[in-house]
Amino acid sequence: MTSAGTEREAGRLLGGRYRLVERIDEGGAGEVWRARDERLGRDVAVKLLGIEADDAFRERFTDEARRAAVVSHPNVVTVFDQGQDGPDAYMVMEHVRGRTLREVVSERGALGPMEAARIVSQVADALDAAHAAGVIHCDVKPANVILDQRGTAKLTDFGVARAARGPAEHDLIGTPRYIAPERIEGKPPTPASDVYGLGLVAYELLAGQPPFDGTDTEDLLRERLEAPPPSLRRARPGIAAEIDLVVAKALSREPARRYQTAGAFARDLLDAVRGERTQTMPVVPPPARTLHRERRGPRVGSALALLGVVVVLFALVLLFMGFPRVAVLPAPSSTPQATARVTPDVTGKDVNEAARMLLAAGFRDAQGRPQIPWEVQPGAKGTPCTVVSQQPPSGTPYQNGATAKLILVPGNCAAKGEGD
């Protein structure tokens, strides 16, 4: 591939400093390369702008690279540098070793609710930091979130998405499957537009599939504008209704009806996953009853009736005082049953943390000892010694003292596990 005669290939030196090593990804907006910063001796990621971009777009790309660089946050891929090498504009970023959420969902399917909520919370923190710095991402999607080897989510690809603002660049303002409805209508992006994208990410993590299954771009955009928010419970039966309601609010067609910050969405999602978020129903007072009274002169009859009731009650008290006193014992009750408990979700967690959670919940090994056995699953991919599955599965009711077992990603787990 060439750009005005300049080859984009391994070994090329950009700006006299960044040596291209291998192409990581490419798309209509440009290419991403792993490169070597020869001045500081470290690996970096370099995004090269697409060769078909015009001069105006290149200028906006450079401007947005500078703005993205001001977003300093642990859950944001850091932008180190930007520049121009011949006809090629480039952006230099932190190189994160890991997998995108798109790859994670493709390999694992739907994630456990707690793991999904934890990832969404990290991305929400990144978006809130970006919005506070005046930067709107405009292309929040699983492919733009990298999960590093420690399980930390990092939002990437600022700049190019936000740089595409003109109508001639409509295909670059965001990915059709993840773009907010107001952006389809040509309205300017707001933080609520990113909240919508984060809602779609949450849906995909929890359902194991994208919310809109259309393949044609027109169908995808029309469904966004005309159809109601997609139902998470329809895609994943058994998911809590509270979780479905929270995600649906983030996916409201009207920006004003969504969460106004990514952090507010993430907090409600975590509360719903933990079972702490309750719906408050409006209390509607009963209709007023009209009392019809007839006037029949002085109410002497009512006073006499009340006096009669008092006399009868006094006579009953005297009667009972004459009975022998016997202690009344409560009827024996059946043995109280233990409150039903639900197995915590420990998938994706380090073996030590997972074992501690299960032990704290009351699980034991087959001999009743406070230990959690585990075994590795050959061929399982992910961070070494993290949980890929558990027995019993998350959400399963159990009684105190039940047995549990963990299945791990292969690695040097013998030195780590507490339960073997």
Protein backbone atom coordinates (compact mmCIF):
# COMPACT_ATOMS: atom_id res chain seq x y z
CA MET A 1 0.00 0.00 0.00
CA THR A 2 1.35 3.41 -0.90
CA SER A 3 0.54 7.00 -0.10
CA ALA A 4 1.74 9.46 -2.74
CA GLY A 5 4.64 7.13 -3.41
CA THR A 6 5.51 6.53 0.26
CA GLU A 7 5.27 2.86 1.20
CA ARG A 8 3.54 1.80 4.38
CA GLU A 9 5.55 -1.28 5.25
CA ALA A 10 7.52 -2.76 8.13
CA GLY A 11 10.83 -1.02 8.67
CA ARG A 12 9.72 2.45 7.62
CA LEU A 13 10.84 5.22 10.00
CA LEU A 14 8.20 7.88 10.74
CA GLY A 15 9.31 11.32 11.82
CA GLY A 16 12.87 10.06 12.17
CA ARG A 17 11.83 8.25 15.36
CA TYR A 18 9.08 5.61 15.08
CA ARG A 19 10.04 2.40 13.28
CA LEU A 20 7.01 0.49 11.94
CA VAL A 21 7.15 -3.18 13.00
CA GLU A 22 3.81 -4.83 12.09
CA ARG A 23 0.33 -3.80 11.05
CA ILE A 24 -2.17 -4.46 13.87
CA ASP A 25 -5.40 -3.30 12.26
CA GLU A 26 -6.72 -1.35 9.32
CA GLY A 27 -9.99 0.18 8.21
CA GLY A 28 -11.49 3.03 6.25
CA ALA A 29 -10.15 5.61 8.72
CA GLY A 30 -6.55 4.40 8.59
CA GLU A 31 -4.12 1.79 9.82
CA VAL A 32 -2.74 0.93 13.25
CA TRP A 33 0.85 -0.32 13.51
CA ARG A 34 3.00 -1.61 16.31
CA ALA A 35 6.14 0.50 16.14
CA ARG A 36 9.35 1.05 18.07
CA ASP A 37 10.14 4.45 19.54
CA GLU A 38 13.87 4.43 18.83
CA ARG A 39 14.48 7.49 20.93
CA LEU A 40 12.99 6.09 24.16
CA GLY A 41 13.41 2.40 23.37
CA ARG A 42 9.78 1.34 23.86
CA ASP A 43 6.94 -0.17 21.82
CA VAL A 44 4.16 2.19 20.77
CA ALA A 45 1.05 2.02 18.61
CA VAL A 46 0.98 4.33 15.58
CA LYS A 47 -2.22 5.25 13.77
CA LEU A 48 -1.72 6.38 10.17
CA LEU A 49 -4.55 8.37 8.62
CA GLY A 50 -6.27 6.82 5.60
CA ILE A 51 -4.64 7.74 2.30
CA GLU A 52 -7.96 8.94 0.82
CA ALA A 53 -8.44 11.67 3.48
CA ASP A 54 -8.37 15.23 2.13
CA ASP A 55 -6.34 18.12 3.54
CA ALA A 56 -9.20 19.45 5.67
CA PHE A 57 -9.71 16.08 7.31
CA ARG A 58 -5.98 15.71 7.94
CA GLU A 59 -5.98 19.06 9.71
CA ARG A 60 -8.90 18.06 11.92
CA PHE A 61 -7.25 14.70 12.60
CA THR A 62 -4.16 16.51 13.89
CA ASP A 63 -6.30 18.87 15.97
CA GLU A 64 -8.22 16.00 17.55
CA ALA A 65 -4.99 14.12 18.26
CA ARG A 66 -3.88 17.09 20.34
CA ARG A 67 -7.21 17.21 22.18
CA ALA A 68 -7.20 13.46 22.86
CA ALA A 69 -3.72 13.83 24.34
CA VAL A 70 -5.13 15.97 27.16
CA VAL A 71 -7.27 13.05 28.38
CA SER A 72 -5.03 11.50 31.02
CA HIS A 73 -6.73 8.55 32.70
CA PRO A 74 -5.80 4.94 33.59
CA ASN A 75 -8.65 3.64 31.41
CA VAL A 76 -7.71 5.69 28.35
CA VAL A 77 -4.99 4.68 25.89
CA THR A 78 -2.50 7.54 26.24
CA VAL A 79 -1.62 9.66 23.18
CA PHE A 80 2.11 10.46 23.19
CA ASP A 81 2.72 12.34 19.97
CA GLN A 82 1.37 13.33 16.57
CA GLY A 83 3.02 14.48 13.42
CA GLN A 84 3.31 14.50 9.65
CA ASP A 85 5.70 12.38 7.62
CA GLY A 86 5.51 13.40 3.98
CA PRO A 87 1.84 13.03 3.03
CA ASP A 88 1.07 10.82 6.03
CA ALA A 89 -0.45 12.19 9.25
CA TYR A 90 0.14 9.93 12.22
CA MET A 91 -0.71 9.64 15.91
CA VAL A 92 1.51 7.84 18.44
CA MET A 93 -0.21 6.05 21.33
CA GLU A 94 0.45 3.73 24.22
CA HIS A 95 0.82 0.15 23.02
CA VAL A 96 -1.54 -2.05 25.05
CA ARG A 97 -0.98 -5.80 25.02
CA GLY A 98 -4.34 -7.45 25.21
CA ARG A 99 -7.54 -8.16 23.33
CA THR A 100 -10.42 -5.95 22.28
CA LEU A 101 -13.84 -6.56 23.80
CA ARG A 102 -14.98 -7.61 20.34
CA GLU A 103 -12.44 -10.44 20.43
CA VAL A 104 -13.32 -11.35 24.03
CA VAL A 105 -17.04 -11.68 23.25
CA SER A 106 -16.27 -13.58 20.05
CA GLU A 107 -14.24 -16.13 22.01
CA ARG A 108 -16.25 -16.35 25.25
CA GLY A 109 -19.77 -15.28 24.37
CA ALA A 110 -21.84 -13.51 27.04
CA LEU A 111 -19.92 -12.46 30.13
CA GLY A 112 -21.11 -12.78 33.71
CA PRO A 113 -23.14 -9.73 34.83
CA MET A 114 -20.58 -8.64 37.45
CA GLU A 115 -17.64 -8.91 35.06
CA ALA A 116 -19.56 -6.98 32.39
CA ALA A 117 -20.56 -4.27 34.88
CA ARG A 118 -16.95 -3.96 36.07
CA ILE A 119 -15.72 -3.41 32.50
CA VAL A 120 -18.52 -0.92 31.76
CA SER A 121 -17.59 1.01 34.92
CA GLN A 122 -13.98 1.37 33.77
CA VAL A 123 -15.01 2.59 30.31
CA ALA A 124 -17.49 4.98 31.96
CA ASP A 125 -14.67 6.45 34.05
CA ALA A 126 -12.69 6.99 30.85
CA LEU A 127 -15.62 8.70 29.11
CA ASP A 128 -16.36 10.97 32.07
CA ALA A 129 -12.70 12.06 32.07
CA ALA A 130 -12.84 12.71 28.32
CA HIS A 131 -16.08 14.69 28.57
CA ALA A 132 -14.62 16.77 31.40
CA ALA A 133 -11.73 17.62 29.05
CA GLY A 134 -14.15 18.61 26.28
CA VAL A 135 -13.56 15.53 24.14
CA ILE A 136 -16.42 13.38 22.81
CA HIS A 137 -15.45 9.97 21.50
CA CYS A 138 -18.33 9.36 19.02
CA ASP A 139 -17.32 5.76 18.28
CA VAL A 140 -17.66 3.82 21.54
CA LYS A 141 -17.80 0.14 20.59
CA PRO A 142 -16.26 -3.19 21.70
CA ALA A 143 -13.54 -2.96 19.06
CA ASN A 144 -12.35 0.32 20.59
CA VAL A 145 -11.95 -1.04 24.13
CA ILE A 146 -8.85 -3.11 24.88
CA LEU A 147 -8.75 -5.46 27.86
CA ASP A 148 -5.11 -5.69 28.90
CA GLN A 149 -3.40 -8.68 30.48
CA ARG A 150 -4.41 -7.51 33.96
CA GLY A 151 -8.07 -7.20 33.03
CA THR A 152 -8.00 -3.40 32.87
CA ALA A 153 -10.23 -1.86 30.19
CA LYS A 154 -8.69 0.92 28.10
CA LEU A 155 -10.67 3.08 25.70
CA THR A 156 -8.86 3.87 22.48
CA ASP A 157 -9.36 5.50 19.07
CA PHE A 158 -10.13 9.07 20.06
CA GLY A 159 -9.45 11.59 17.36
CA VAL A 160 -10.43 10.02 14.06
CA ALA A 161 -14.06 9.45 15.05
CA ARG A 162 -14.42 12.96 16.50
CA ALA A 163 -12.54 14.54 13.62
CA ALA A 164 -15.12 13.49 11.04
CA ARG A 165 -17.70 16.26 11.26
CA GLY A 166 -18.53 17.21 7.69
CA PRO A 167 -21.46 15.65 5.75
CA ALA A 168 -19.05 14.39 3.08
CA GLU A 169 -17.38 12.27 5.77
CA HIS A 170 -20.60 10.78 7.13
CA ASP A 171 -19.25 7.24 6.83
CA LEU A 172 -16.39 8.13 9.18
CA ILE A 173 -18.33 9.68 12.06
CA GLY A 174 -18.88 6.32 13.67
CA THR A 175 -19.63 2.68 13.06
CA PRO A 176 -23.25 2.28 11.81
CA ARG A 177 -24.01 -0.50 14.30
CA TYR A 178 -23.00 1.67 17.27
CA ILE A 179 -23.86 5.23 16.26
CA ALA A 180 -26.40 7.19 18.34
CA PRO A 181 -29.80 8.05 16.78
CA GLU A 182 -29.27 11.81 17.00
CA ARG A 183 -26.04 11.49 15.04
CA ILE A 184 -27.94 9.69 12.27
CA GLU A 185 -30.23 12.72 12.12
CA GLY A 186 -27.21 15.00 11.69
CA LYS A 187 -27.33 16.54 15.16
CA PRO A 188 -24.06 17.40 16.93
CA PRO A 189 -22.63 14.83 19.35
CA THR A 190 -22.98 15.26 23.11
CA PRO A 191 -21.83 13.19 26.09
CA ALA A 192 -25.21 11.44 25.86
CA SER A 193 -24.14 10.14 22.43
CA ASP A 194 -21.24 8.34 24.10
CA VAL A 195 -23.58 7.03 26.81
CA TYR A 196 -25.63 5.43 24.03
CA GLY A 197 -22.50 3.77 22.65
CA LEU A 198 -21.59 2.52 26.12
CA GLY A 199 -25.12 1.11 26.49
CA LEU A 200 -24.58 -0.89 23.29
CA VAL A 201 -21.26 -2.16 24.65
CA ALA A 202 -22.97 -3.25 27.88
CA TYR A 203 -25.71 -5.00 25.89
CA GLU A 204 -23.16 -6.91 23.79
CA LEU A 205 -21.13 -7.98 26.82
CA LEU A 206 -24.25 -9.25 28.61
CA ALA A 207 -25.98 -10.82 25.59
CA GLY A 208 -22.91 -12.14 23.78
CA GLN A 209 -24.11 -10.56 20.53
CA PRO A 210 -24.70 -7.08 19.06
CA PRO A 211 -28.13 -5.57 19.78
CA PHE A 212 -28.99 -4.90 16.13
CA ASP A 213 -28.76 -7.91 13.84
CA GLY A 214 -29.28 -6.15 10.51
CA THR A 215 -26.44 -6.42 8.03
CA ASP A 216 -27.35 -3.61 5.67
CA THR A 217 -26.29 -0.12 6.75
CA GLU A 218 -29.66 1.40 5.86
CA ASP A 219 -31.50 -1.23 7.89
CA LEU A 220 -29.23 -0.64 10.88
CA LEU A 221 -29.78 3.12 10.81
CA ARG A 222 -33.54 2.84 10.23
CA GLU A 223 -33.91 0.39 13.12
CA ARG A 224 -32.08 2.83 15.38
CA LEU A 225 -34.55 5.61 14.55
CA GLU A 226 -37.81 3.65 14.42
CA ALA A 227 -37.56 0.61 16.69
CA PRO A 228 -37.73 0.67 20.51
CA PRO A 229 -34.55 -0.03 22.52
CA PRO A 230 -33.53 -3.68 22.08
CA SER A 231 -34.61 -6.07 24.82
CA LEU A 232 -31.69 -7.61 26.69
CA ARG A 233 -33.95 -10.23 28.31
CA ARG A 234 -35.11 -11.39 24.91
CA ALA A 235 -31.51 -12.01 23.85
CA ARG A 236 -30.49 -13.54 27.20
CA PRO A 237 -33.45 -15.09 29.03
CA GLY A 238 -32.97 -15.12 32.77
CA ILE A 239 -31.13 -11.80 33.02
CA ALA A 240 -32.51 -9.70 35.85
CA ALA A 241 -35.29 -7.30 34.87
CA GLU A 242 -33.47 -4.49 36.72
CA ILE A 243 -30.39 -4.93 34.51
CA ASP A 244 -32.57 -4.85 31.40
CA LEU A 245 -34.23 -1.60 32.56
CA VAL A 246 -30.89 0.12 33.21
CA VAL A 247 -29.48 -0.83 29.79
CA ALA A 248 -32.73 0.18 28.08
CA LYS A 249 -32.53 3.64 29.65
CA ALA A 250 -28.98 4.08 28.31
CA LEU A 251 -30.33 3.13 24.86
CA SER A 252 -33.25 5.57 24.79
CA ARG A 253 -33.72 7.17 21.39
CA GLU A 254 -34.08 10.62 22.94
CA PRO A 255 -30.77 11.85 24.46
CA ALA A 256 -32.67 13.65 27.25
CA ARG A 257 -34.14 10.32 28.42
CA ARG A 258 -30.74 8.63 28.76
CA TYR A 259 -28.32 8.84 31.64
CA GLN A 260 -26.64 12.21 31.32
CA THR A 261 -23.23 10.87 32.36
CA ALA A 262 -21.53 7.56 31.70
CA GLY A 263 -20.75 7.27 35.40
CA ALA A 264 -24.43 7.47 36.38
CA PHE A 265 -25.21 4.62 33.97
CA ALA A 266 -22.35 2.49 35.32
CA ARG A 267 -23.40 3.03 38.95
CA ASP A 268 -27.00 1.98 38.26
CA LEU A 269 -25.78 -1.05 36.32
CA LEU A 270 -23.57 -2.16 39.22
CA ASP A 271 -26.43 -1.67 41.68
CA ALA A 272 -28.77 -3.69 39.45
CA VAL A 273 -26.23 -6.52 39.17
CA ARG A 274 -25.80 -6.56 42.94
CA GLY A 275 -29.55 -6.56 43.42
CA GLU A 276 -29.45 -3.22 45.24
CA ARG A 277 -31.41 -1.15 42.76
CA THR A 278 -35.15 -1.16 43.40
CA GLN A 279 -37.88 0.39 41.33
CA THR A 280 -39.96 2.99 43.12
CA MET A 281 -43.54 2.88 41.90
CA PRO A 282 -45.62 6.06 42.15
CA VAL A 283 -48.11 5.90 44.98
CA VAL A 284 -51.52 6.86 43.63
CA PRO A 285 -53.94 7.88 46.38
CA PRO A 286 -57.36 6.20 46.21
CA PRO A 287 -60.19 8.34 44.83
CA ALA A 288 -61.88 10.49 47.43
CA ARG A 289 -65.11 9.04 48.74
CA THR A 290 -68.04 11.38 49.03
CA LEU A 291 -69.92 10.87 52.27
CA HIS A 292 -73.66 11.58 52.12
CA ARG A 293 -75.16 12.53 55.44
CA GLU A 294 -78.75 13.14 56.21
CA ARG A 295 -79.64 15.71 58.77
CA ARG A 296 -82.20 14.26 61.18
CA GLY A 297 -82.00 16.65 64.10
CA PRO A 298 -79.89 16.15 67.24
CA ARG A 299 -77.78 12.95 67.19
CA VAL A 300 -79.05 11.59 70.55
CA GLY A 301 -79.39 8.05 69.20
CA SER A 302 -75.67 7.87 68.36
CA ALA A 303 -74.64 9.01 71.86
CA LEU A 304 -76.85 6.37 73.51
CA ALA A 305 -75.43 3.64 71.28
CA LEU A 306 -71.86 4.61 72.18
CA LEU A 307 -72.71 4.55 75.91
CA GLY A 308 -74.14 1.03 75.50
CA VAL A 309 -70.91 -0.22 73.89
CA VAL A 310 -68.85 1.17 76.79
CA VAL A 311 -71.04 -0.60 79.36
CA VAL A 312 -70.74 -3.95 77.56
CA LEU A 313 -66.92 -3.66 77.34
CA PHE A 314 -66.69 -2.87 81.09
CA ALA A 315 -68.77 -5.95 81.91
CA LEU A 316 -66.51 -8.16 79.79
CA VAL A 317 -63.40 -6.87 81.60
CA LEU A 318 -64.92 -7.77 84.99
CA LEU A 319 -65.87 -11.22 83.72
CA PHE A 320 -62.35 -12.07 82.48
CA MET A 321 -60.75 -10.81 85.69
CA GLY A 322 -62.57 -13.62 87.52
CA PHE A 323 -61.02 -16.40 85.40
CA PRO A 324 -57.92 -18.30 86.69
CA ARG A 325 -54.76 -17.02 85.08
CA VAL A 326 -53.06 -19.47 82.72
CA ALA A 327 -49.85 -18.78 80.84
CA VAL A 328 -50.42 -18.94 77.11
CA LEU A 329 -47.43 -20.58 75.37
CA PRO A 330 -46.75 -20.01 71.68
CA ALA A 331 -47.26 -23.00 69.41
CA PRO A 332 -43.99 -24.72 68.51
CA SER A 333 -42.72 -23.49 65.18
CA SER A 334 -41.02 -25.54 62.54
CA THR A 335 -37.24 -25.30 62.24
CA PRO A 336 -36.44 -22.09 60.34
CA GLN A 337 -34.95 -22.73 56.95
CA ALA A 338 -31.72 -21.07 55.92
CA THR A 339 -32.14 -18.07 53.71
CA ALA A 340 -31.55 -19.03 50.10
CA ARG A 341 -28.24 -17.72 48.78
CA VAL A 342 -27.03 -17.31 45.23
CA THR A 343 -23.59 -18.37 43.94
CA PRO A 344 -21.39 -15.31 43.21
CA ASP A 345 -19.95 -14.79 39.73
CA VAL A 346 -16.16 -15.26 39.79
CA THR A 347 -15.48 -15.83 36.06
CA GLY A 348 -12.66 -13.66 34.77
CA LYS A 349 -11.16 -13.22 38.23
CA ASP A 350 -7.75 -14.30 39.46
CA VAL A 351 -7.81 -17.71 41.18
CA ASN A 352 -6.91 -16.19 44.57
CA GLU A 353 -9.65 -13.56 44.47
CA ALA A 354 -12.19 -16.11 43.19
CA ALA A 355 -11.30 -18.58 45.97
CA ARG A 356 -11.62 -15.88 48.64
CA MET A 357 -15.06 -14.88 47.34
CA LEU A 358 -16.34 -18.46 47.35
CA LEU A 359 -14.91 -19.19 50.80
CA ALA A 360 -16.51 -16.02 52.16
CA ALA A 361 -19.81 -17.15 50.66
CA GLY A 362 -19.60 -20.41 52.64
CA PHE A 363 -18.34 -22.87 50.01
CA ARG A 364 -15.99 -25.74 50.93
CA ASP A 365 -14.24 -28.65 49.23
CA ALA A 366 -15.66 -32.18 49.03
CA GLN A 367 -14.27 -32.99 52.51
CA GLY A 368 -15.87 -29.93 54.07
CA ARG A 369 -12.55 -28.10 54.45
CA PRO A 370 -12.28 -24.33 53.78
CA GLN A 371 -10.55 -24.86 50.45
CA ILE A 372 -11.61 -24.37 46.84
CA PRO A 373 -10.19 -26.97 44.39
CA TRP A 374 -9.34 -25.98 40.84
CA GLU A 375 -7.98 -27.36 37.60
CA VAL A 376 -6.75 -25.82 34.36
CA GLN A 377 -8.54 -26.12 31.05
CA PRO A 378 -6.02 -26.91 28.28
CA GLY A 379 -6.32 -24.49 25.38
CA ALA A 380 -8.30 -21.88 27.31
CA LYS A 381 -7.26 -18.37 26.32
CA GLY A 382 -6.96 -15.35 28.57
CA THR A 383 -4.89 -14.08 31.45
CA PRO A 384 -3.09 -17.02 33.10
CA CYS A 385 -4.72 -18.36 36.26
CA THR A 386 -8.02 -16.53 35.74
CA VAL A 387 -11.35 -18.33 36.00
CA VAL A 388 -12.98 -19.40 32.72
CA SER A 389 -15.83 -21.34 34.37
CA GLN A 390 -17.05 -22.31 37.81
CA GLN A 391 -19.03 -25.03 39.54
CA PRO A 392 -21.72 -24.34 40.52
CA PRO A 393 -22.47 -21.65 37.87
CA SER A 394 -23.08 -18.10 39.00
CA GLY A 395 -26.66 -17.43 40.15
CA THR A 396 -27.19 -21.04 41.34
CA PRO A 397 -28.93 -21.26 44.77
CA TYR A 398 -26.86 -23.05 47.43
CA GLN A 399 -26.68 -23.78 51.15
CA ASN A 400 -23.76 -22.99 53.43
CA GLY A 401 -21.06 -25.67 53.15
CA ALA A 402 -21.77 -26.57 49.52
CA THR A 403 -18.82 -27.64 47.36
CA ALA A 404 -17.30 -25.52 44.61
CA LYS A 405 -14.65 -25.88 41.93
CA LEU A 406 -12.81 -23.48 39.59
CA ILE A 407 -11.65 -24.02 35.99
CA LEU A 408 -8.66 -21.82 35.08
CA VAL A 409 -6.67 -20.52 32.12
CA PRO A 410 -3.38 -22.48 32.05
CA GLY A 411 -0.41 -20.84 33.73
CA ASN A 412 1.84 -21.06 36.78
CA CYS A 413 -1.16 -21.38 39.08
CA ALA A 414 0.29 -23.88 41.55
CA ALA A 415 2.13 -21.09 43.35
CA LYS A 416 -0.97 -18.92 43.51
CA GLY A 417 -4.05 -20.97 44.29
CA GLU A 418 -5.41 -21.13 47.77
CA GLY A 419 -7.75 -23.99 47.11
CA ASP A 420 -5.72 -26.87 45.73
